[in-house]
Amino acid sequence: MTDDSERAVQAAIDGEMRLLDPEVRASPARVLELLDPEFTEIGASGRRWDVESVLTVTSGGSVSAESPVKVSEMSGVVLAPGVVHLTYFADNQGRRAWRSSVWRLTETGWRMYFHQGTLTG
């Protein structure tokens, strides 16, 4: 991986970890800084989400500071210049899911464009 690719993947990982941070999730303004205006998600429940519906959930305390999401096996690849795909395993208080997200570089920085979760046993 080139230095530019490594920096791109690290920027996406940093953004992903910020979105999982309970303090960030509690602030709609901070979440908006990390979500692309065209963001969509297919949640582990099968529900389709957009920016507004995600803001409703994240500002409602979906992740607590006492029980943060546990992340493992995080990896990323550059799909094209300015586009990074991340995958990882997340455990949110026993709700375990494989997660996948696509990040793209915009004029204001790296933003999550797409996210998907798949529950696992």
C-alpha atoms as a PDB file:
ATOM      1  CA  MET A   1       0.000   0.000   0.000  1.00  0.00           C
ATOM      2  CA  THR A   2       1.345   3.446  -0.891  1.00  0.00           C
ATOM      3  CA  ASP A   3       1.716   6.211   1.665  1.00  0.00           C
ATOM      4  CA  ASP A   4      -1.268   8.027   0.124  1.00  0.00           C
ATOM      5  CA  SER A   5      -3.370   4.866   0.362  1.00  0.00           C
ATOM      6  CA  GLU A   6      -2.321   4.286   3.955  1.00  0.00           C
ATOM      7  CA  ARG A   7      -3.235   7.881   4.856  1.00  0.00           C
ATOM      8  CA  ALA A   8      -6.621   7.543   3.132  1.00  0.00           C
ATOM      9  CA  VAL A   9      -7.443   4.296   4.936  1.00  0.00           C
ATOM     10  CA  GLN A  10      -6.334   5.765   8.273  1.00  0.00           C
ATOM     11  CA  ALA A  11      -8.500   8.864   7.719  1.00  0.00           C
ATOM     12  CA  ALA A  12     -11.525   6.632   7.077  1.00  0.00           C
ATOM     13  CA  ILE A  13     -10.757   4.517  10.150  1.00  0.00           C
ATOM     14  CA  ASP A  14     -10.421   7.670  12.256  1.00  0.00           C
ATOM     15  CA  GLY A  15     -13.792   8.887  10.993  1.00  0.00           C
ATOM     16  CA  GLU A  16     -15.440   5.529  11.635  1.00  0.00           C
ATOM     17  CA  MET A  17     -14.130   5.440  15.189  1.00  0.00           C
ATOM     18  CA  ARG A  18     -15.344   8.991  15.806  1.00  0.00           C
ATOM     19  CA  LEU A  19     -18.835   7.994  14.631  1.00  0.00           C
ATOM     20  CA  LEU A  20     -18.799   5.172  17.182  1.00  0.00           C
ATOM     21  CA  ASP A  21     -17.745   7.524  20.003  1.00  0.00           C
ATOM     22  CA  PRO A  22     -20.710   8.200  22.354  1.00  0.00           C
ATOM     23  CA  GLU A  23     -19.738  11.882  22.714  1.00  0.00           C
ATOM     24  CA  VAL A  24     -19.675  12.414  18.969  1.00  0.00           C
ATOM     25  CA  ARG A  25     -22.928  10.487  18.462  1.00  0.00           C
ATOM     26  CA  ALA A  26     -24.647  12.713  21.029  1.00  0.00           C
ATOM     27  CA  SER A  27     -23.865  15.796  18.910  1.00  0.00           C
ATOM     28  CA  PRO A  28     -25.836  16.055  15.652  1.00  0.00           C
ATOM     29  CA  ALA A  29     -23.410  18.741  14.426  1.00  0.00           C
ATOM     30  CA  ARG A  30     -20.416  16.441  14.927  1.00  0.00           C
ATOM     31  CA  VAL A  31     -22.182  13.509  13.260  1.00  0.00           C
ATOM     32  CA  LEU A  32     -23.092  15.730  10.298  1.00  0.00           C
ATOM     33  CA  GLU A  33     -19.400  16.599   9.867  1.00  0.00           C
ATOM     34  CA  LEU A  34     -18.737  12.890   9.224  1.00  0.00           C
ATOM     35  CA  LEU A  35     -21.727  11.889   7.087  1.00  0.00           C
ATOM     36  CA  ASP A  36     -21.896  12.614   3.398  1.00  0.00           C
ATOM     37  CA  PRO A  37     -25.021  14.590   2.409  1.00  0.00           C
ATOM     38  CA  GLU A  38     -25.947  11.600   0.189  1.00  0.00           C
ATOM     39  CA  PHE A  39     -25.353   9.063   2.997  1.00  0.00           C
ATOM     40  CA  THR A  40     -27.430   5.879   3.096  1.00  0.00           C
ATOM     41  CA  GLU A  41     -27.275   2.834   5.317  1.00  0.00           C
ATOM     42  CA  ILE A  42     -28.748  -0.620   5.272  1.00  0.00           C
ATOM     43  CA  GLY A  43     -28.847  -1.470   8.941  1.00  0.00           C
ATOM     44  CA  ALA A  44     -28.382  -4.850  10.552  1.00  0.00           C
ATOM     45  CA  SER A  45     -32.179  -4.852  10.998  1.00  0.00           C
ATOM     46  CA  GLY A  46     -32.647  -4.551   7.239  1.00  0.00           C
ATOM     47  CA  ARG A  47     -33.967  -1.022   7.596  1.00  0.00           C
ATOM     48  CA  ARG A  48     -32.778   1.668   5.195  1.00  0.00           C
ATOM     49  CA  TRP A  49     -31.446   4.833   6.841  1.00  0.00           C
ATOM     50  CA  ASP A  50     -30.597   8.323   5.624  1.00  0.00           C
ATOM     51  CA  VAL A  51     -28.877  11.258   7.321  1.00  0.00           C
ATOM     52  CA  GLU A  52     -31.989  12.476   9.146  1.00  0.00           C
ATOM     53  CA  SER A  53     -33.017   9.075  10.498  1.00  0.00           C
ATOM     54  CA  VAL A  54     -29.471   8.349  11.666  1.00  0.00           C
ATOM     55  CA  LEU A  55     -29.322  11.691  13.487  1.00  0.00           C
ATOM     56  CA  THR A  56     -32.516  10.791  15.354  1.00  0.00           C
ATOM     57  CA  VAL A  57     -31.005   7.508  16.568  1.00  0.00           C
ATOM     58  CA  THR A  58     -27.511   8.751  17.372  1.00  0.00           C
ATOM     59  CA  SER A  59     -28.717  11.771  19.332  1.00  0.00           C
ATOM     60  CA  GLY A  60     -30.976   9.445  21.330  1.00  0.00           C
ATOM     61  CA  GLY A  61     -28.049   7.765  23.069  1.00  0.00           C
ATOM     62  CA  SER A  62     -27.803   4.583  20.994  1.00  0.00           C
ATOM     63  CA  VAL A  63     -24.280   4.009  22.368  1.00  0.00           C
ATOM     64  CA  SER A  64     -23.481   4.661  26.014  1.00  0.00           C
ATOM     65  CA  ALA A  65     -20.166   5.853  27.396  1.00  0.00           C
ATOM     66  CA  GLU A  66     -20.371   3.037  29.973  1.00  0.00           C
ATOM     67  CA  SER A  67     -20.682   0.362  27.257  1.00  0.00           C
ATOM     68  CA  PRO A  68     -18.960   1.592  24.095  1.00  0.00           C
ATOM     69  CA  VAL A  69     -19.052  -0.423  20.895  1.00  0.00           C
ATOM     70  CA  LYS A  70     -16.196  -2.924  20.813  1.00  0.00           C
ATOM     71  CA  VAL A  71     -14.497  -2.957  17.410  1.00  0.00           C
ATOM     72  CA  SER A  72     -12.150  -5.620  16.067  1.00  0.00           C
ATOM     73  CA  GLU A  73     -10.710  -6.787  12.763  1.00  0.00           C
ATOM     74  CA  MET A  74     -10.875  -3.303  11.215  1.00  0.00           C
ATOM     75  CA  SER A  75      -9.332  -3.156   7.755  1.00  0.00           C
ATOM     76  CA  GLY A  76      -9.596  -0.919   4.748  1.00  0.00           C
ATOM     77  CA  VAL A  77      -8.718  -0.673   1.085  1.00  0.00           C
ATOM     78  CA  VAL A  78      -8.653   2.186  -1.386  1.00  0.00           C
ATOM     79  CA  LEU A  79     -11.170   1.441  -4.141  1.00  0.00           C
ATOM     80  CA  ALA A  80     -10.306   4.522  -6.200  1.00  0.00           C
ATOM     81  CA  PRO A  81      -8.655   7.862  -5.490  1.00  0.00           C
ATOM     82  CA  GLY A  82     -10.677   9.448  -2.685  1.00  0.00           C
ATOM     83  CA  VAL A  83     -12.782   6.320  -1.985  1.00  0.00           C
ATOM     84  CA  VAL A  84     -12.081   3.885   0.884  1.00  0.00           C
ATOM     85  CA  HIS A  85     -13.944   0.711   1.867  1.00  0.00           C
ATOM     86  CA  LEU A  86     -13.742  -0.387   5.521  1.00  0.00           C
ATOM     87  CA  THR A  87     -14.853  -3.641   7.107  1.00  0.00           C
ATOM     88  CA  TYR A  88     -14.878  -4.583  10.784  1.00  0.00           C
ATOM     89  CA  PHE A  89     -16.613  -6.552  13.497  1.00  0.00           C
ATOM     90  CA  ALA A  90     -18.651  -4.624  16.078  1.00  0.00           C
ATOM     91  CA  ASP A  91     -20.133  -5.753  19.374  1.00  0.00           C
ATOM     92  CA  ASN A  92     -22.657  -3.322  20.831  1.00  0.00           C
ATOM     93  CA  GLN A  93     -23.714  -4.757  24.193  1.00  0.00           C
ATOM     94  CA  GLY A  94     -23.947  -8.277  22.768  1.00  0.00           C
ATOM     95  CA  ARG A  95     -25.482  -7.262  19.435  1.00  0.00           C
ATOM     96  CA  ARG A  96     -22.739  -8.491  17.135  1.00  0.00           C
ATOM     97  CA  ALA A  97     -22.460  -7.492  13.487  1.00  0.00           C
ATOM     98  CA  TRP A  98     -20.061  -7.343  10.593  1.00  0.00           C
ATOM     99  CA  ARG A  99     -19.912  -3.748   9.395  1.00  0.00           C
ATOM    100  CA  SER A 100     -18.938  -2.298   6.047  1.00  0.00           C
ATOM    101  CA  SER A 101     -18.659   1.347   5.075  1.00  0.00           C
ATOM    102  CA  VAL A 102     -17.590   3.427   2.122  1.00  0.00           C
ATOM    103  CA  TRP A 103     -15.880   6.737   2.772  1.00  0.00           C
ATOM    104  CA  ARG A 104     -15.234   9.408   0.187  1.00  0.00           C
ATOM    105  CA  LEU A 105     -13.049  12.470   0.230  1.00  0.00           C
ATOM    106  CA  THR A 106     -15.008  15.700  -0.178  1.00  0.00           C
ATOM    107  CA  GLU A 107     -14.056  19.363  -0.127  1.00  0.00           C
ATOM    108  CA  THR A 108     -14.637  19.323   3.637  1.00  0.00           C
ATOM    109  CA  GLY A 109     -12.776  16.072   4.359  1.00  0.00           C
ATOM    110  CA  TRP A 110     -13.521  12.365   4.586  1.00  0.00           C
ATOM    111  CA  ARG A 111     -17.216  11.519   4.961  1.00  0.00           C
ATOM    112  CA  MET A 112     -19.121   8.266   5.224  1.00  0.00           C
ATOM    113  CA  TYR A 113     -21.120   7.735   2.039  1.00  0.00           C
ATOM    114  CA  PHE A 114     -22.558   4.253   2.714  1.00  0.00           C
ATOM    115  CA  HIS A 115     -22.774   1.838   5.630  1.00  0.00           C
ATOM    116  CA  GLN A 116     -24.142  -1.680   6.069  1.00  0.00           C
ATOM    117  CA  GLY A 117     -24.404  -4.015   9.031  1.00  0.00           C
ATOM    118  CA  THR A 118     -25.044  -7.762   9.021  1.00  0.00           C
ATOM    119  CA  LEU A 119     -25.911  -9.472  12.297  1.00  0.00           C
ATOM    120  CA  THR A 120     -23.899 -12.518  13.282  1.00  0.00           C
ATOM    121  CA  GLY A 121     -24.196 -15.128  15.975  1.00  0.00           C
END
